[in-house]
């Protein structure tokens, strides 16, 4: 199985986030929380479209 990192989403990409991404970010999941929060920061800065 091939998994991709959220940080590898290219600039200006349009992304549909699954509910899990919100939960991992909100609960600061030990394995995924930081990368999920960074993905939302990229949306807020208009680097990607979420």
Protein backbone atom coordinates (compact mmCIF):
# COMPACT_ATOMS: atom_id res chain seq x y z
CA UNK A 1 0.00 0.00 0.00
CA UNK A 2 1.33 3.44 -0.90
CA UNK A 3 0.71 6.33 1.51
CA UNK A 4 1.45 9.95 0.77
CA UNK A 5 2.35 12.69 3.22
CA UNK A 6 0.06 15.71 3.52
CA UNK A 7 3.15 17.87 3.10
CA UNK A 8 3.60 16.47 -0.41
CA UNK A 9 0.38 18.09 -1.65
CA UNK A 10 1.51 20.47 -4.40
CA UNK A 11 0.83 24.21 -4.17
CA UNK A 12 -2.47 25.36 -5.71
CA UNK A 13 -3.94 21.85 -5.45
CA UNK A 14 -7.63 21.48 -4.62
CA UNK A 15 -8.07 19.06 -1.71
CA UNK A 16 -11.08 17.41 -0.11
CA UNK A 17 -10.26 16.57 3.50
CA UNK A 18 -11.74 13.54 5.23
CA UNK A 19 -13.21 14.00 8.71
CA UNK A 20 -10.28 12.12 10.24
CA UNK A 21 -7.93 14.97 9.32
CA UNK A 22 -10.03 17.38 11.42
CA UNK A 23 -10.17 14.96 14.36
CA UNK A 24 -6.42 14.26 14.29
CA UNK A 25 -5.68 17.97 14.23
CA UNK A 26 -8.19 18.90 16.94
CA UNK A 27 -7.07 16.12 19.29
CA UNK A 28 -3.36 16.56 18.50
CA UNK A 29 -2.96 12.91 17.55
CA UNK A 30 0.60 11.77 18.42
CA UNK A 31 1.26 10.36 14.93
CA UNK A 32 -0.77 12.60 12.63
CA UNK A 33 -1.81 15.72 14.56
CA UNK A 34 1.07 17.96 13.57
CA UNK A 35 0.93 17.17 9.84
CA UNK A 36 -2.85 17.65 9.79
CA UNK A 37 -2.54 21.02 11.51
CA UNK A 38 0.15 22.05 9.03
CA UNK A 39 -2.15 21.09 6.14
CA UNK A 40 -4.84 23.41 7.54
CA UNK A 41 -2.27 26.18 7.91
CA UNK A 42 -1.44 25.75 4.21
CA UNK A 43 -5.16 26.18 3.42
CA UNK A 44 -5.37 29.31 5.61
CA UNK A 45 -2.37 30.82 3.81
CA UNK A 46 -3.96 29.99 0.41
CA UNK A 47 -1.10 27.70 -0.56
CA UNK A 48 -3.60 24.91 -1.25
CA UNK A 49 -7.39 25.01 -1.67
CA UNK A 50 -9.25 23.00 0.92
